[in-house]
Amino acid sequence: MGMTNKQFQGFIRLALGWIERALEESPENKSLLALKDIFQSMLEDD
């Protein structure tokens, strides 16, 4: 059973929220910044 596009987009937004929280604690973390960029590129344009 696969994930619908809407579910996938929701998962990406959820993960981005947690990445944002982690960046508040460690704003210079290059790995988190790169991960954030990857996840944002996975979102469809609204």
PDB file of N, CA and C in Angstrom:
ATOM      1  N   MET A   1       0.846  -1.169   0.000  1.00  0.00           N
ATOM      2  CA  MET A   1       0.000   0.000   0.000  1.00  0.00           C
ATOM      3  C   MET A   1       0.893   1.234   0.000  1.00  0.00           C
ATOM      4  N   GLY A   2       0.717   2.065  -0.985  1.00  0.00           N
ATOM      5  CA  GLY A   2       1.557   3.240  -1.135  1.00  0.00           C
ATOM      6  C   GLY A   2       0.998   4.459  -0.435  1.00  0.00           C
ATOM      7  N   MET A   3       1.761   5.498  -0.521  1.00  0.00           N
ATOM      8  CA  MET A   3       1.392   6.769   0.087  1.00  0.00           C
ATOM      9  C   MET A   3       0.845   7.685  -1.010  1.00  0.00           C
ATOM     10  N   THR A   4      -0.231   8.373  -0.711  1.00  0.00           N
ATOM     11  CA  THR A   4      -0.758   9.323  -1.692  1.00  0.00           C
ATOM     12  C   THR A   4       0.147  10.553  -1.739  1.00  0.00           C
ATOM     13  N   ASN A   5       0.020  11.323  -2.794  1.00  0.00           N
ATOM     14  CA  ASN A   5       0.810  12.534  -2.930  1.00  0.00           C
ATOM     15  C   ASN A   5       0.543  13.488  -1.768  1.00  0.00           C
ATOM     16  N   LYS A   6      -0.715  13.585  -1.364  1.00  0.00           N
ATOM     17  CA  LYS A   6      -1.075  14.468  -0.250  1.00  0.00           C
ATOM     18  C   LYS A   6      -0.411  14.004   1.042  1.00  0.00           C
ATOM     19  N   GLN A   7      -0.397  12.700   1.280  1.00  0.00           N
ATOM     20  CA  GLN A   7       0.260  12.156   2.474  1.00  0.00           C
ATOM     21  C   GLN A   7       1.769  12.418   2.426  1.00  0.00           C
ATOM     22  N   PHE A   8       2.358  12.234   1.256  1.00  0.00           N
ATOM     23  CA  PHE A   8       3.789  12.459   1.098  1.00  0.00           C
ATOM     24  C   PHE A   8       4.135  13.916   1.383  1.00  0.00           C
ATOM     25  N   GLN A   9       3.362  14.829   0.829  1.00  0.00           N
ATOM     26  CA  GLN A   9       3.594  16.254   1.046  1.00  0.00           C
ATOM     27  C   GLN A   9       3.443  16.600   2.534  1.00  0.00           C
ATOM     28  N   GLY A  10       2.477  15.983   3.192  1.00  0.00           N
ATOM     29  CA  GLY A  10       2.292  16.199   4.628  1.00  0.00           C
ATOM     30  C   GLY A  10       3.481  15.708   5.431  1.00  0.00           C
ATOM     31  N   PHE A  11       4.007  14.545   5.049  1.00  0.00           N
ATOM     32  CA  PHE A  11       5.180  14.007   5.727  1.00  0.00           C
ATOM     33  C   PHE A  11       6.378  14.941   5.558  1.00  0.00           C
ATOM     34  N   ILE A  12       6.575  15.451   4.362  1.00  0.00           N
ATOM     35  CA  ILE A  12       7.695  16.357   4.101  1.00  0.00           C
ATOM     36  C   ILE A  12       7.545  17.627   4.937  1.00  0.00           C
ATOM     37  N   ARG A  13       6.338  18.171   5.005  1.00  0.00           N
ATOM     38  CA  ARG A  13       6.109  19.376   5.816  1.00  0.00           C
ATOM     39  C   ARG A  13       6.353  19.107   7.301  1.00  0.00           C
ATOM     40  N   LEU A  14       5.955  17.939   7.776  1.00  0.00           N
ATOM     41  CA  LEU A  14       6.202  17.557   9.159  1.00  0.00           C
ATOM     42  C   LEU A  14       7.710  17.485   9.426  1.00  0.00           C
ATOM     43  N   ALA A  15       8.428  16.828   8.546  1.00  0.00           N
ATOM     44  CA  ALA A  15       9.878  16.700   8.707  1.00  0.00           C
ATOM     45  C   ALA A  15      10.546  18.074   8.648  1.00  0.00           C
ATOM     46  N   LEU A  16      10.090  18.943   7.767  1.00  0.00           N
ATOM     47  CA  LEU A  16      10.658  20.293   7.685  1.00  0.00           C
ATOM     48  C   LEU A  16      10.447  21.061   8.983  1.00  0.00           C
ATOM     49  N   GLY A  17       9.312  20.850   9.619  1.00  0.00           N
ATOM     50  CA  GLY A  17       9.053  21.495  10.906  1.00  0.00           C
ATOM     51  C   GLY A  17      10.068  21.064  11.954  1.00  0.00           C
ATOM     52  N   TRP A  18      10.384  19.771  11.989  1.00  0.00           N
ATOM     53  CA  TRP A  18      11.373  19.272  12.952  1.00  0.00           C
ATOM     54  C   TRP A  18      12.775  19.757  12.602  1.00  0.00           C
ATOM     55  N   ILE A  19      13.073  19.862  11.322  1.00  0.00           N
ATOM     56  CA  ILE A  19      14.375  20.392  10.909  1.00  0.00           C
ATOM     57  C   ILE A  19      14.496  21.850  11.339  1.00  0.00           C
ATOM     58  N   GLU A  20      13.423  22.612  11.179  1.00  0.00           N
ATOM     59  CA  GLU A  20      13.429  24.016  11.607  1.00  0.00           C
ATOM     60  C   GLU A  20      13.689  24.130  13.107  1.00  0.00           C
ATOM     61  N   ARG A  21      13.062  23.259  13.890  1.00  0.00           N
ATOM     62  CA  ARG A  21      13.287  23.271  15.350  1.00  0.00           C
ATOM     63  C   ARG A  21      14.750  22.978  15.671  1.00  0.00           C
ATOM     64  N   ALA A  22      15.316  22.008  14.992  1.00  0.00           N
ATOM     65  CA  ALA A  22      16.717  21.656  15.220  1.00  0.00           C
ATOM     66  C   ALA A  22      17.632  22.809  14.821  1.00  0.00           C
ATOM     67  N   LEU A  23      17.279  23.523  13.763  1.00  0.00           N
ATOM     68  CA  LEU A  23      18.095  24.654  13.325  1.00  0.00           C
ATOM     69  C   LEU A  23      18.023  25.826  14.305  1.00  0.00           C
ATOM     70  N   GLU A  24      16.935  25.941  15.049  1.00  0.00           N
ATOM     71  CA  GLU A  24      16.852  26.979  16.076  1.00  0.00           C
ATOM     72  C   GLU A  24      17.910  26.743  17.154  1.00  0.00           C
ATOM     73  N   GLU A  25      18.166  25.484  17.456  1.00  0.00           N
ATOM     74  CA  GLU A  25      19.168  25.137  18.456  1.00  0.00           C
ATOM     75  C   GLU A  25      20.585  25.179  17.895  1.00  0.00           C
ATOM     76  N   SER A  26      20.705  24.908  16.602  1.00  0.00           N
ATOM     77  CA  SER A  26      22.025  24.835  15.980  1.00  0.00           C
ATOM     78  C   SER A  26      21.959  25.445  14.577  1.00  0.00           C
ATOM     79  N   PRO A  27      21.851  26.780  14.490  1.00  0.00           N
ATOM     80  CA  PRO A  27      21.623  27.433  13.205  1.00  0.00           C
ATOM     81  C   PRO A  27      22.774  27.307  12.205  1.00  0.00           C
ATOM     82  N   GLU A  28      23.957  26.950  12.661  1.00  0.00           N
ATOM     83  CA  GLU A  28      25.108  26.843  11.766  1.00  0.00           C
ATOM     84  C   GLU A  28      25.348  25.421  11.261  1.00  0.00           C
ATOM     85  N   ASN A  29      24.471  24.493  11.609  1.00  0.00           N
ATOM     86  CA  ASN A  29      24.665  23.090  11.244  1.00  0.00           C
ATOM     87  C   ASN A  29      24.474  22.915   9.734  1.00  0.00           C
ATOM     88  N   LYS A  30      25.581  22.707   9.038  1.00  0.00           N
ATOM     89  CA  LYS A  30      25.541  22.618   7.573  1.00  0.00           C
ATOM     90  C   LYS A  30      24.791  21.384   7.088  1.00  0.00           C
ATOM     91  N   SER A  31      24.868  20.302   7.835  1.00  0.00           N
ATOM     92  CA  SER A  31      24.137  19.091   7.445  1.00  0.00           C
ATOM     93  C   SER A  31      22.634  19.315   7.512  1.00  0.00           C
ATOM     94  N   LEU A  32      22.172  19.987   8.577  1.00  0.00           N
ATOM     95  CA  LEU A  32      20.744  20.286   8.693  1.00  0.00           C
ATOM     96  C   LEU A  32      20.287  21.255   7.605  1.00  0.00           C
ATOM     97  N   LEU A  33      21.119  22.233   7.308  1.00  0.00           N
ATOM     98  CA  LEU A  33      20.768  23.188   6.250  1.00  0.00           C
ATOM     99  C   LEU A  33      20.648  22.486   4.896  1.00  0.00           C
ATOM    100  N   ALA A  34      21.568  21.560   4.619  1.00  0.00           N
ATOM    101  CA  ALA A  34      21.511  20.813   3.365  1.00  0.00           C
ATOM    102  C   ALA A  34      20.266  19.932   3.328  1.00  0.00           C
ATOM    103  N   LEU A  35      19.958  19.284   4.449  1.00  0.00           N
ATOM    104  CA  LEU A  35      18.765  18.439   4.523  1.00  0.00           C
ATOM    105  C   LEU A  35      17.503  19.264   4.312  1.00  0.00           C
ATOM    106  N   LYS A  36      17.470  20.449   4.900  1.00  0.00           N
ATOM    107  CA  LYS A  36      16.322  21.351   4.725  1.00  0.00           C
ATOM    108  C   LYS A  36      16.141  21.698   3.249  1.00  0.00           C
ATOM    109  N   ASP A  37      17.229  22.007   2.563  1.00  0.00           N
ATOM    110  CA  ASP A  37      17.156  22.335   1.137  1.00  0.00           C
ATOM    111  C   ASP A  37      16.614  21.163   0.322  1.00  0.00           C
ATOM    112  N   ILE A  38      17.067  19.952   0.651  1.00  0.00           N
ATOM    113  CA  ILE A  38      16.595  18.761  -0.069  1.00  0.00           C
ATOM    114  C   ILE A  38      15.102  18.571   0.143  1.00  0.00           C
ATOM    115  N   PHE A  39      14.669  18.662   1.393  1.00  0.00           N
ATOM    116  CA  PHE A  39      13.250  18.467   1.685  1.00  0.00           C
ATOM    117  C   PHE A  39      12.394  19.549   1.041  1.00  0.00           C
ATOM    118  N   GLN A  40      12.869  20.801   1.045  1.00  0.00           N
ATOM    119  CA  GLN A  40      12.092  21.869   0.423  1.00  0.00           C
ATOM    120  C   GLN A  40      11.971  21.651  -1.081  1.00  0.00           C
ATOM    121  N   SER A  41      12.999  21.085  -1.687  1.00  0.00           N
ATOM    122  CA  SER A  41      12.932  20.826  -3.130  1.00  0.00           C
ATOM    123  C   SER A  41      11.945  19.715  -3.457  1.00  0.00           C
ATOM    124  N   MET A  42      11.615  18.873  -2.477  1.00  0.00           N
ATOM    125  CA  MET A  42      10.667  17.786  -2.681  1.00  0.00           C
ATOM    126  C   MET A  42       9.208  18.264  -2.637  1.00  0.00           C
ATOM    127  N   LEU A  43       8.989  19.448  -2.083  1.00  0.00           N
ATOM    128  CA  LEU A  43       7.629  19.979  -1.999  1.00  0.00           C
ATOM    129  C   LEU A  43       7.183  20.493  -3.358  1.00  0.00           C
ATOM    130  N   GLU A  44       5.922  20.281  -3.661  1.00  0.00           N
ATOM    131  CA  GLU A  44       5.360  20.857  -4.871  1.00  0.00           C
ATOM    132  C   GLU A  44       5.141  22.347  -4.641  1.00  0.00           C
ATOM    133  N   ASP A  45       5.220  23.102  -5.706  1.00  0.00           N
ATOM    134  CA  ASP A  45       4.916  24.529  -5.585  1.00  0.00           C
ATOM    135  C   ASP A  45       3.444  24.699  -5.292  1.00  0.00           C
ATOM    136  N   ASP A  46       3.165  25.508  -4.283  1.00  0.00           N
ATOM    137  CA  ASP A  46       1.761  25.747  -3.892  1.00  0.00           C
ATOM    138  C   ASP A  46       1.124  26.807  -4.745  1.00  0.00           C
TER     139      ASP A  46
END
